[in-house]
N, C-alpha and C. Protein backbone atom coordinates (compact mmCIF):
# COMPACT_ATOMS: atom_id res chain seq x y z
N MET A 1 0.92 -1.00 0.08
CA MET A 1 0.03 -0.22 -0.15
C MET A 1 0.77 0.87 0.03
N GLY A 2 0.29 2.06 -0.44
CA GLY A 2 1.01 3.49 -0.67
C GLY A 2 0.25 4.67 -0.73
N PRO A 3 0.68 5.68 -0.63
CA PRO A 3 0.03 6.77 -1.61
C PRO A 3 -0.25 7.00 -2.78
N ALA A 4 -1.71 7.45 -3.44
CA ALA A 4 -1.09 8.10 -4.83
C ALA A 4 -0.01 8.24 -5.21
N GLY A 5 0.50 7.71 -6.56
CA GLY A 5 1.46 8.01 -7.00
C GLY A 5 2.58 7.42 -6.75
N SER A 6 3.34 6.70 -5.70
CA SER A 6 3.72 6.05 -4.93
C SER A 6 4.76 5.37 -5.19
N GLY A 7 3.67 4.59 -6.65
CA GLY A 7 5.17 3.77 -7.60
C GLY A 7 4.02 2.48 -6.89
N LYS A 8 2.82 1.89 -6.62
CA LYS A 8 2.70 0.83 -5.96
C LYS A 8 2.17 -0.32 -7.66
N SER A 9 1.36 0.53 -8.37
CA SER A 9 1.45 -0.30 -9.43
C SER A 9 2.05 -0.64 -10.37
N THR A 10 3.39 0.70 -10.53
CA THR A 10 4.27 0.65 -11.72
C THR A 10 5.33 -0.84 -10.70
N LEU A 11 5.32 -0.71 -9.57
CA LEU A 11 6.78 -2.22 -8.50
C LEU A 11 5.08 -3.55 -9.16
N ALA A 12 4.20 -3.06 -8.38
CA ALA A 12 3.64 -4.57 -8.78
C ALA A 12 3.61 -5.37 -10.27
N LYS A 13 3.89 -4.57 -11.64
CA LYS A 13 3.27 -4.34 -12.59
C LYS A 13 4.60 -5.10 -12.98
N ARG A 14 5.64 -4.60 -12.63
CA ARG A 14 7.59 -5.05 -13.01
C ARG A 14 7.56 -6.36 -11.82
N LEU A 15 7.30 -6.54 -10.61
CA LEU A 15 7.26 -7.46 -10.43
C LEU A 15 6.51 -8.92 -11.23
N GLU A 16 5.04 -8.75 -11.43
CA GLU A 16 4.31 -9.78 -12.54
C GLU A 16 5.40 -10.18 -13.19
N GLU A 17 6.04 -8.58 -14.39
CA GLU A 17 6.46 -9.43 -15.62
C GLU A 17 8.12 -9.72 -15.39
N GLU A 18 8.63 -9.25 -14.50
CA GLU A 18 9.72 -10.31 -13.84
C GLU A 18 9.93 -11.37 -13.31
N ARG A 19 8.98 -11.48 -12.52
CA ARG A 19 8.86 -12.94 -11.63
C ARG A 19 7.03 -13.79 -12.45
N PRO A 20 7.08 -13.51 -13.62
CA PRO A 20 5.15 -14.39 -13.50
C PRO A 20 4.68 -15.40 -12.76
N ASP A 21 5.95 -16.18 -12.63
CA ASP A 21 6.33 -17.60 -11.68
C ASP A 21 6.10 -17.38 -10.35
N LEU A 22 6.34 -16.32 -9.67
CA LEU A 22 6.29 -15.56 -8.13
C LEU A 22 5.43 -15.36 -7.83
N PHE A 23 4.95 -13.42 -8.54
CA PHE A 23 4.16 -13.10 -8.27
C PHE A 23 2.45 -12.63 -10.00
N ALA A 24 1.56 -12.28 -9.23
CA ALA A 24 0.35 -11.82 -9.55
C ALA A 24 -0.13 -10.82 -9.03
N ARG A 25 -0.26 -9.38 -10.35
CA ARG A 25 -0.71 -8.26 -9.72
C ARG A 25 -2.49 -8.18 -9.40
N VAL A 26 -2.57 -7.79 -8.14
CA VAL A 26 -4.42 -7.97 -8.69
C VAL A 26 -4.48 -6.23 -7.93
N PRO A 27 -4.72 -5.66 -9.37
CA PRO A 27 -5.16 -3.80 -8.86
C PRO A 27 -6.45 -3.37 -8.36
N VAL A 28 -6.22 -3.45 -6.89
CA VAL A 28 -7.63 -3.30 -6.11
C VAL A 28 -8.08 -2.07 -6.35
N ASP A 29 -7.76 -1.00 -6.98
CA ASP A 29 -8.56 -0.11 -7.08
C ASP A 29 -9.33 0.42 -7.92
N TYR A 30 -9.59 -0.93 -8.93
CA TYR A 30 -10.61 -1.27 -9.43
C TYR A 30 -11.56 -1.77 -9.09
N PHE A 31 -11.76 -2.41 -7.73
CA PHE A 31 -13.17 -2.73 -6.47
C PHE A 31 -13.49 -1.77 -6.13
N PHE A 32 -13.30 -0.51 -6.57
CA PHE A 32 -13.75 0.59 -5.32
C PHE A 32 -15.42 0.02 -5.13
N VAL A 33 -15.95 0.52 -4.17
CA VAL A 33 -17.46 0.76 -4.03
C VAL A 33 -17.90 1.52 -4.55
N PRO A 34 -18.57 1.45 -5.82
CA PRO A 34 -19.30 1.91 -7.04
C PRO A 34 -20.24 3.02 -5.80
N ARG A 35 -20.21 4.52 -6.70
CA ARG A 35 -20.75 5.54 -6.25
C ARG A 35 -22.48 5.27 -6.39
N ALA A 36 -22.82 5.68 -6.01
CA ALA A 36 -24.79 4.92 -5.47
C ALA A 36 -25.44 5.59 -6.39
N ALA A 37 -26.29 5.25 -6.86
CA ALA A 37 -27.71 5.66 -7.43
C ALA A 37 -28.03 7.27 -6.89
N GLY A 38 -27.91 8.42 -6.90
CA GLY A 38 -28.30 9.59 -6.66
C GLY A 38 -27.52 10.38 -5.61
N THR A 39 -26.09 9.71 -5.27
CA THR A 39 -25.22 9.99 -4.82
C THR A 39 -24.24 11.46 -6.18
N SER A 40 -23.64 12.39 -5.46
CA SER A 40 -23.21 13.85 -6.75
C SER A 40 -21.89 13.01 -6.77
N MET A 41 -21.60 13.26 -7.58
CA MET A 41 -19.56 12.95 -7.52
C MET A 41 -18.84 13.33 -6.56
N ALA A 42 -19.01 15.05 -6.47
CA ALA A 42 -18.88 15.56 -5.19
C ALA A 42 -19.43 15.41 -4.01
N GLU A 43 -20.04 14.53 -2.91
CA GLU A 43 -20.32 14.06 -2.55
C GLU A 43 -19.62 12.62 -2.08
N PHE A 44 -19.16 11.88 -3.45
CA PHE A 44 -18.56 10.45 -3.62
C PHE A 44 -17.83 10.74 -2.87
N LEU A 45 -16.69 11.99 -3.53
CA LEU A 45 -15.51 12.10 -3.54
C LEU A 45 -15.06 13.22 -2.11
N ALA A 46 -16.33 12.77 -1.35
CA ALA A 46 -16.25 13.85 -0.32
C ALA A 46 -15.58 12.77 1.35
N ARG A 47 -15.92 11.54 0.19
CA ARG A 47 -15.14 10.18 1.34
C ARG A 47 -14.89 9.70 0.80
N PRO A 48 -13.95 9.30 1.42
CA PRO A 48 -12.33 8.27 1.13
C PRO A 48 -13.14 6.56 0.41
N PHE A 49 -12.22 6.59 -0.88
CA PHE A 49 -12.77 4.96 -0.98
C PHE A 49 -12.71 4.12 -0.64
N GLY A 50 -13.87 3.29 -0.95
CA GLY A 50 -14.07 1.85 0.09
C GLY A 50 -13.68 1.00 -1.04
N TYR A 51 -13.42 -0.18 -0.73
CA TYR A 51 -13.30 -1.86 -1.52
C TYR A 51 -14.00 -1.93 -1.85
N ASP A 52 -14.44 -3.89 -2.18
CA ASP A 52 -15.82 -4.27 -2.05
C ASP A 52 -14.57 -5.64 -2.25
N TRP A 53 -13.98 -5.74 -1.24
CA TRP A 53 -13.41 -6.73 -0.37
C TRP A 53 -13.65 -8.17 -0.90
N ALA A 54 -15.02 -8.40 -0.38
CA ALA A 54 -15.92 -9.46 -1.24
C ALA A 54 -15.81 -9.99 -2.55
N THR A 55 -15.70 -8.81 -3.48
CA THR A 55 -15.85 -9.02 -5.03
C THR A 55 -14.09 -9.27 -5.20
N VAL A 56 -13.13 -8.82 -4.36
CA VAL A 56 -11.67 -9.23 -4.49
C VAL A 56 -12.15 -10.85 -4.14
N ASP A 57 -12.09 -11.07 -3.57
CA ASP A 57 -12.30 -12.62 -2.41
C ASP A 57 -12.64 -13.48 -4.00
N LYS A 58 -14.01 -13.34 -4.51
CA LYS A 58 -14.64 -14.07 -5.41
C LYS A 58 -13.92 -14.04 -6.56
N ALA A 59 -13.32 -13.46 -7.03
CA ALA A 59 -12.55 -12.66 -8.84
C ALA A 59 -11.67 -13.87 -8.33
N LEU A 60 -10.63 -13.30 -6.60
CA LEU A 60 -9.80 -14.96 -7.30
C LEU A 60 -9.54 -15.89 -7.20
N THR A 61 -11.17 -16.22 -6.64
CA THR A 61 -11.14 -17.93 -6.77
C THR A 61 -12.05 -18.13 -8.43
N GLU A 62 -12.04 -17.41 -9.34
CA GLU A 62 -12.73 -17.57 -10.08
C GLU A 62 -11.80 -18.27 -10.69
N VAL A 63 -12.11 -18.18 -13.06
CA VAL A 63 -11.70 -19.20 -13.46
C VAL A 63 -12.20 -18.34 -15.13
N GLY A 64 -10.77 -18.21 -15.88
CA GLY A 64 -11.55 -17.41 -16.88
C GLY A 64 -11.73 -16.26 -16.85
N GLU A 65 -12.91 -15.73 -17.83
CA GLU A 65 -13.41 -14.29 -17.64
C GLU A 65 -13.80 -13.69 -16.52
N ARG A 66 -13.62 -14.66 -15.62
CA ARG A 66 -14.65 -13.64 -14.41
C ARG A 66 -13.39 -13.23 -13.40
N ARG A 67 -12.07 -14.80 -13.86
CA ARG A 67 -11.03 -13.90 -12.50
C ARG A 67 -10.55 -12.34 -13.53
N SER A 68 -11.23 -11.93 -13.02
CA SER A 68 -10.69 -9.99 -13.70
C SER A 68 -11.60 -8.78 -12.33
N THR A 69 -10.76 -7.97 -12.78
CA THR A 69 -11.56 -7.08 -12.34
C THR A 69 -12.97 -6.62 -13.02
N PRO A 70 -13.81 -5.77 -11.91
CA PRO A 70 -14.63 -5.22 -12.48
C PRO A 70 -14.46 -4.13 -14.04
N ALA A 71 -15.22 -4.27 -14.75
CA ALA A 71 -15.42 -3.42 -15.74
C ALA A 71 -16.01 -2.03 -15.38
N CYS A 72 -15.14 -1.21 -15.43
CA CYS A 72 -15.27 -0.05 -14.45
C CYS A 72 -15.74 1.65 -15.52
N ASP A 73 -16.06 2.33 -15.31
CA ASP A 73 -16.36 3.26 -15.74
C ASP A 73 -15.93 4.14 -15.08
N PHE A 74 -14.50 5.11 -14.98
CA PHE A 74 -13.82 6.11 -13.90
C PHE A 74 -14.46 7.62 -14.09
N ASP A 75 -14.67 8.30 -15.27
CA ASP A 75 -15.93 8.63 -15.34
C ASP A 75 -16.80 9.48 -14.45
N SER A 76 -17.40 8.06 -14.22
CA SER A 76 -18.72 8.17 -13.41
C SER A 76 -18.71 7.56 -12.26
N MET A 77 -17.72 7.06 -11.89
CA MET A 77 -17.29 6.07 -10.70
C MET A 77 -18.19 4.54 -10.67
N ARG A 78 -17.97 4.68 -11.50
CA ARG A 78 -19.38 2.94 -11.27
C ARG A 78 -19.17 1.93 -12.18
N TRP A 79 -19.14 0.92 -11.90
CA TRP A 79 -19.49 -0.16 -12.88
C TRP A 79 -20.16 -0.37 -13.83
N ARG A 80 -19.71 -0.87 -15.03
CA ARG A 80 -20.55 -1.38 -16.06
C ARG A 80 -21.04 -2.82 -15.76
N SER A 81 -20.03 -3.91 -14.67
CA SER A 81 -19.71 -5.07 -14.62
C SER A 81 -19.38 -5.85 -13.21
N PRO A 82 -19.46 -6.19 -12.47
CA PRO A 82 -18.76 -7.03 -11.18
C PRO A 82 -16.99 -7.95 -11.94
N HIS A 83 -16.65 -8.21 -13.50
CA HIS A 83 -15.91 -8.44 -14.47
C HIS A 83 -15.94 -8.27 -15.25
N GLY A 84 -14.98 -8.94 -16.44
CA GLY A 84 -14.47 -8.08 -17.59
C GLY A 84 -13.57 -7.34 -17.62
N GLY A 85 -12.75 -6.72 -16.07
CA GLY A 85 -12.14 -5.44 -16.62
C GLY A 85 -10.72 -6.35 -16.75
N LEU A 86 -9.64 -5.82 -16.10
CA LEU A 86 -8.09 -6.43 -16.34
C LEU A 86 -8.56 -7.95 -16.06
N PRO A 87 -7.74 -8.66 -16.88
CA PRO A 87 -7.65 -10.01 -15.87
C PRO A 87 -6.59 -10.19 -14.85
N ILE A 88 -6.80 -11.35 -13.73
CA ILE A 88 -6.20 -11.23 -13.11
C ILE A 88 -5.03 -12.88 -13.28
N ALA A 89 -4.20 -13.07 -13.32
CA ALA A 89 -3.19 -13.74 -13.38
C ALA A 89 -3.28 -14.78 -12.06
N THR A 90 -2.66 -16.45 -12.56
CA THR A 90 -2.25 -16.86 -10.62
C THR A 90 -0.73 -17.23 -10.42
N ALA A 91 -0.48 -16.71 -9.25
CA ALA A 91 1.10 -16.84 -9.04
C ALA A 91 0.71 -17.82 -7.79
N PRO A 92 1.69 -17.93 -6.96
CA PRO A 92 2.35 -18.01 -5.36
C PRO A 92 1.64 -16.94 -4.82
N ILE A 93 2.45 -15.60 -5.14
CA ILE A 93 2.09 -14.64 -4.02
C ILE A 93 1.09 -13.85 -5.27
N MET A 94 0.65 -13.10 -4.74
CA MET A 94 -0.51 -12.27 -5.07
C MET A 94 -0.18 -11.42 -4.66
N VAL A 95 -0.27 -10.33 -5.54
CA VAL A 95 0.27 -8.67 -4.82
C VAL A 95 -0.66 -7.28 -5.07
N LEU A 96 -1.55 -7.76 -4.15
CA LEU A 96 -2.59 -6.77 -4.00
C LEU A 96 -2.25 -4.89 -3.86
N ASP A 97 -2.39 -4.82 -5.27
CA ASP A 97 -1.87 -3.27 -5.36
C ASP A 97 -3.11 -2.54 -4.92
N GLY A 98 -3.04 -1.73 -3.83
CA GLY A 98 -4.04 -0.70 -3.29
C GLY A 98 -4.05 0.40 -2.48
N MET A 99 -3.87 1.70 -2.33
CA MET A 99 -4.17 2.30 -1.06
C MET A 99 -4.99 2.13 0.29
N ARG A 100 -5.51 1.41 0.18
CA ARG A 100 -6.06 0.75 1.38
C ARG A 100 -5.40 -0.98 1.18
N PRO A 101 -5.02 -1.60 2.44
CA PRO A 101 -4.94 -3.13 2.45
C PRO A 101 -5.74 -4.09 2.47
N HIS A 102 -5.82 -5.48 2.28
CA HIS A 102 -6.89 -6.29 2.72
C HIS A 102 -6.97 -6.74 3.71
N PRO A 103 -8.18 -6.66 4.63
CA PRO A 103 -8.33 -6.62 5.98
C PRO A 103 -7.80 -8.25 6.04
N LEU A 104 -7.11 -9.36 5.40
CA LEU A 104 -6.81 -10.37 5.73
C LEU A 104 -5.05 -10.98 4.67
N CYS A 105 -4.47 -9.47 4.36
CA CYS A 105 -3.49 -10.23 4.00
C CYS A 105 -2.71 -10.40 4.18
N ASP A 106 -1.26 -11.41 4.02
CA ASP A 106 -0.38 -12.00 4.87
C ASP A 106 0.51 -10.95 5.32
N ARG A 107 0.91 -10.37 4.38
CA ARG A 107 2.22 -9.47 4.38
C ARG A 107 1.39 -8.15 3.96
N LEU A 108 2.27 -7.40 4.91
CA LEU A 108 1.68 -5.37 4.26
C LEU A 108 3.12 -4.54 4.35
N PHE A 109 3.34 -3.99 2.99
CA PHE A 109 4.27 -3.47 3.15
C PHE A 109 3.91 -2.19 2.08
N LEU A 110 4.46 -0.82 2.74
CA LEU A 110 4.32 0.18 2.43
C LEU A 110 4.86 1.22 1.94
N LEU A 111 4.97 1.64 1.20
CA LEU A 111 5.70 2.51 -0.34
C LEU A 111 5.52 4.27 0.23
N ASP A 112 6.66 4.64 1.02
CA ASP A 112 6.49 5.86 2.14
C ASP A 112 6.94 7.12 0.75
N LEU A 113 6.31 8.00 0.66
CA LEU A 113 6.92 8.83 -0.42
C LEU A 113 6.51 10.75 -0.08
N ASP A 114 7.52 11.48 -0.62
CA ASP A 114 7.79 12.76 0.13
C ASP A 114 6.59 13.42 -0.78
N PRO A 115 5.51 14.06 0.69
CA PRO A 115 4.22 14.69 -0.76
C PRO A 115 4.58 15.63 -1.47
N VAL A 116 5.73 16.32 -1.55
CA VAL A 116 6.10 17.03 -2.47
C VAL A 116 6.31 15.94 -3.71
N GLU A 117 6.90 15.25 -4.05
CA GLU A 117 6.90 13.91 -4.95
C GLU A 117 6.61 13.73 -5.33
N GLN A 118 5.11 13.63 -4.40
CA GLN A 118 4.14 12.67 -4.51
C GLN A 118 2.93 13.47 -5.56
N ARG A 119 3.01 15.33 -5.21
CA ARG A 119 2.16 15.62 -6.45
C ARG A 119 3.07 15.85 -7.74
N ARG A 120 4.08 16.48 -7.25
CA ARG A 120 5.13 15.92 -8.93
C ARG A 120 4.40 15.18 -9.68
N ARG A 121 4.56 13.89 -8.88
CA ARG A 121 3.74 12.75 -9.86
C ARG A 121 2.78 12.31 -10.11
N LEU A 122 2.01 12.82 -9.19
CA LEU A 122 0.25 13.15 -10.00
C LEU A 122 -0.09 13.77 -10.83
N ALA A 123 0.62 15.15 -10.81
CA ALA A 123 1.12 16.32 -12.18
C ALA A 123 1.72 15.60 -12.92
N ASP A 124 2.58 14.89 -13.31
CA ASP A 124 3.24 14.28 -14.31
C ASP A 124 2.41 13.02 -14.87
N ARG A 125 1.07 12.57 -14.30
CA ARG A 125 0.73 11.62 -14.76
C ARG A 125 -0.40 12.32 -15.30
N ASP A 126 -0.63 13.28 -14.99
CA ASP A 126 -2.10 13.48 -15.27
C ASP A 126 -1.63 14.19 -17.15
N ARG A 127 -0.18 15.00 -16.79
CA ARG A 127 -0.36 14.97 -18.18
C ARG A 127 0.35 14.29 -18.97
N ARG A 128 0.65 13.50 -18.48
CA ARG A 128 1.09 11.55 -19.93
C ARG A 128 -0.18 11.48 -20.11
N TRP A 129 -1.55 10.82 -19.07
CA TRP A 129 -2.56 10.14 -20.03
C TRP A 129 -3.39 10.85 -19.66
N GLY A 130 -3.63 12.33 -19.89
CA GLY A 130 -5.23 12.77 -20.07
C GLY A 130 -5.96 12.85 -18.50
N THR A 131 -5.31 12.68 -17.80
CA THR A 131 -6.87 12.50 -16.51
C THR A 131 -6.09 13.79 -16.34
N ARG A 132 -7.31 14.02 -14.50
CA ARG A 132 -7.22 15.23 -13.93
C ARG A 132 -6.89 14.36 -11.89
N VAL A 133 -5.92 13.09 -11.84
CA VAL A 133 -6.38 12.42 -10.70
C VAL A 133 -5.23 13.44 -9.80
N ALA A 134 -4.55 14.59 -10.47
CA ALA A 134 -4.72 15.65 -9.13
C ALA A 134 -4.96 16.66 -8.48
N ASP A 135 -6.02 16.49 -9.34
CA ASP A 135 -7.83 17.05 -8.44
C ASP A 135 -8.13 16.52 -7.50
N ARG A 136 -7.97 15.27 -7.42
CA ARG A 136 -8.86 14.66 -6.55
C ARG A 136 -7.69 14.11 -5.41
N GLU A 137 -6.61 14.89 -5.17
CA GLU A 137 -5.35 14.59 -4.22
C GLU A 137 -6.31 14.53 -2.99
N ASP A 138 -7.09 15.27 -2.27
CA ASP A 138 -7.49 15.28 -1.11
C ASP A 138 -8.20 13.90 -0.92
N HIS A 139 -9.27 13.79 -1.64
CA HIS A 139 -9.81 12.49 -1.73
C HIS A 139 -8.77 11.49 -1.42
N LEU A 140 -8.05 11.18 -3.10
CA LEU A 140 -7.11 10.32 -2.34
C LEU A 140 -6.02 10.18 -1.18
N ALA A 141 -5.58 11.36 -0.25
CA ALA A 141 -5.24 11.08 0.54
C ALA A 141 -5.74 10.53 1.60
N ALA A 142 -7.15 11.02 1.94
CA ALA A 142 -8.15 10.60 2.73
C ALA A 142 -8.37 9.22 2.50
N THR A 143 -8.82 8.79 1.35
CA THR A 143 -7.86 6.73 1.13
C THR A 143 -7.11 6.88 1.41
N PHE A 144 -6.13 6.68 1.30
CA PHE A 144 -5.13 6.33 1.96
C PHE A 144 -4.56 6.73 3.72
N ARG A 145 -5.10 7.27 3.81
CA ARG A 145 -4.98 7.19 5.35
C ARG A 145 -5.57 6.28 6.15
N GLN A 146 -7.53 6.14 5.57
CA GLN A 146 -8.45 5.17 6.39
C GLN A 146 -7.85 3.77 6.16
N GLY A 147 -6.84 3.40 5.11
CA GLY A 147 -6.24 2.55 4.60
C GLY A 147 -4.89 2.12 6.02
N LEU A 148 -4.35 3.23 6.66
CA LEU A 148 -3.66 2.96 7.42
C LEU A 148 -4.41 2.58 8.29
N SER A 149 -5.45 3.53 8.57
CA SER A 149 -6.18 3.59 9.96
C SER A 149 -6.97 2.04 10.41
N GLU A 150 -7.13 1.15 8.61
CA GLU A 150 -7.52 0.01 9.58
C GLU A 150 -6.50 -0.94 9.05
N ALA A 151 -5.48 -0.62 8.86
CA ALA A 151 -4.45 -1.70 8.65
C ALA A 151 -4.16 -2.72 10.02
N SER A 152 -3.96 -3.90 10.29
CA SER A 152 -4.53 -4.85 11.38
C SER A 152 -3.59 -4.79 12.16
N ARG A 153 -2.09 -4.13 11.40
CA ARG A 153 -0.79 -4.58 12.24
C ARG A 153 0.19 -3.64 11.58
N PRO A 154 1.20 -2.99 12.35
CA PRO A 154 2.72 -2.27 11.03
C PRO A 154 2.73 -2.75 9.89
N PRO A 155 3.08 -2.08 9.10
CA PRO A 155 4.09 -3.19 7.84
C PRO A 155 4.81 -4.02 8.42
N ASP A 156 4.92 -5.08 7.52
CA ASP A 156 5.88 -5.56 7.49
C ASP A 156 7.18 -5.04 7.58
N LEU A 157 7.25 -4.23 6.40
CA LEU A 157 8.57 -3.68 5.58
C LEU A 157 7.70 -2.03 5.07
N ARG A 158 9.11 -1.18 5.74
CA ARG A 158 8.72 0.35 4.51
C ARG A 158 9.36 0.49 3.92
N LEU A 159 9.22 0.59 2.40
CA LEU A 159 10.14 0.93 1.47
C LEU A 159 9.69 2.30 0.94
N ASN A 160 10.72 2.70 0.64
CA ASN A 160 11.58 4.66 -0.05
C ASN A 160 10.80 4.30 -1.23
N ALA A 161 9.71 4.98 -1.46
CA ALA A 161 9.31 5.18 -3.15
C ALA A 161 10.13 6.35 -3.73
N SER A 162 11.10 6.36 -3.71
CA SER A 162 11.78 7.58 -4.36
C SER A 162 13.16 6.56 -4.86
N ASP A 163 13.18 5.20 -4.26
CA ASP A 163 14.65 4.26 -4.18
C ASP A 163 13.91 3.81 -6.14
N PRO A 164 14.77 3.58 -6.51
CA PRO A 164 14.59 3.07 -7.96
C PRO A 164 14.30 1.73 -7.73
N THR A 165 13.16 1.36 -8.94
CA THR A 165 12.32 -0.01 -8.81
C THR A 165 13.28 -1.37 -8.83
N GLU A 166 14.23 -1.19 -9.58
CA GLU A 166 15.04 -2.45 -8.82
C GLU A 166 15.45 -2.91 -7.57
N SER A 167 15.96 -1.93 -7.19
CA SER A 167 16.76 -1.73 -5.89
C SER A 167 15.08 -2.82 -5.16
N THR A 168 14.19 -2.19 -5.10
CA THR A 168 12.45 -2.37 -4.04
C THR A 168 12.50 -3.67 -4.02
N ILE A 169 12.44 -4.16 -6.03
CA ILE A 169 12.47 -5.33 -6.43
C ILE A 169 13.34 -6.29 -5.63
N ARG A 170 13.99 -5.38 -5.66
CA ARG A 170 15.38 -6.83 -5.10
C ARG A 170 15.30 -7.36 -3.42
N THR A 171 14.76 -6.01 -2.92
CA THR A 171 14.20 -6.18 -1.27
C THR A 171 13.52 -6.94 -1.13
N LEU A 172 12.35 -6.48 -1.89
CA LEU A 172 11.14 -7.55 -1.80
C LEU A 172 11.16 -8.92 -2.08
N ILE A 173 12.10 -9.26 -3.16
CA ILE A 173 12.08 -11.16 -3.69
C ILE A 173 12.72 -11.53 -2.47
N GLU A 174 14.07 -11.10 -1.72
CA GLU A 174 14.62 -11.53 -0.59
C GLU A 174 13.76 -11.42 0.50
N PHE A 175 13.46 -10.36 0.82
CA PHE A 175 12.40 -10.49 1.41
C PHE A 175 11.43 -12.15 1.59
N LEU A 176 10.47 -12.04 0.74
CA LEU A 176 9.44 -13.15 0.59
C LEU A 176 9.99 -14.40 0.19
N THR A 177 11.60 -14.58 -0.06
CA THR A 177 11.73 -15.69 -0.65
C THR A 177 13.18 -16.16 0.73
């Protein structure tokens, strides 16, 4: 887990690419609790994101197309379908990539990131992707803080998000094997 822009997804993708025999990424941000009908976007963004852990767990036990993230509409913050989004591979270590920890996770890793660097990274991402994630900075920070408060224990390992990804990968593999 870590704040938005800390490199969680980059790290999880690289682990999966470099060691698919060991790691599979689960992008849990796709499992957000959808915005309810009648709830404005402003009201929705005024609260931290919740994750639908039951749907995550169900996806991890599925096979075929149903072993996937929900098909999401991030503009409306709703699901088109509870499956049919990004496929989820199978591996001995499932890397749950998100700002909040799964309540039953075996290991908890925290990517620490300086707030100034975080803002820079989010602004860079917005320029590259044509998104407006930086506009949701307060909402994302609240989601991360909520995740920290929900953690059932301190992180097993704290990692510096400014370290090179290759170094962090080596540290994680050494820790886990």
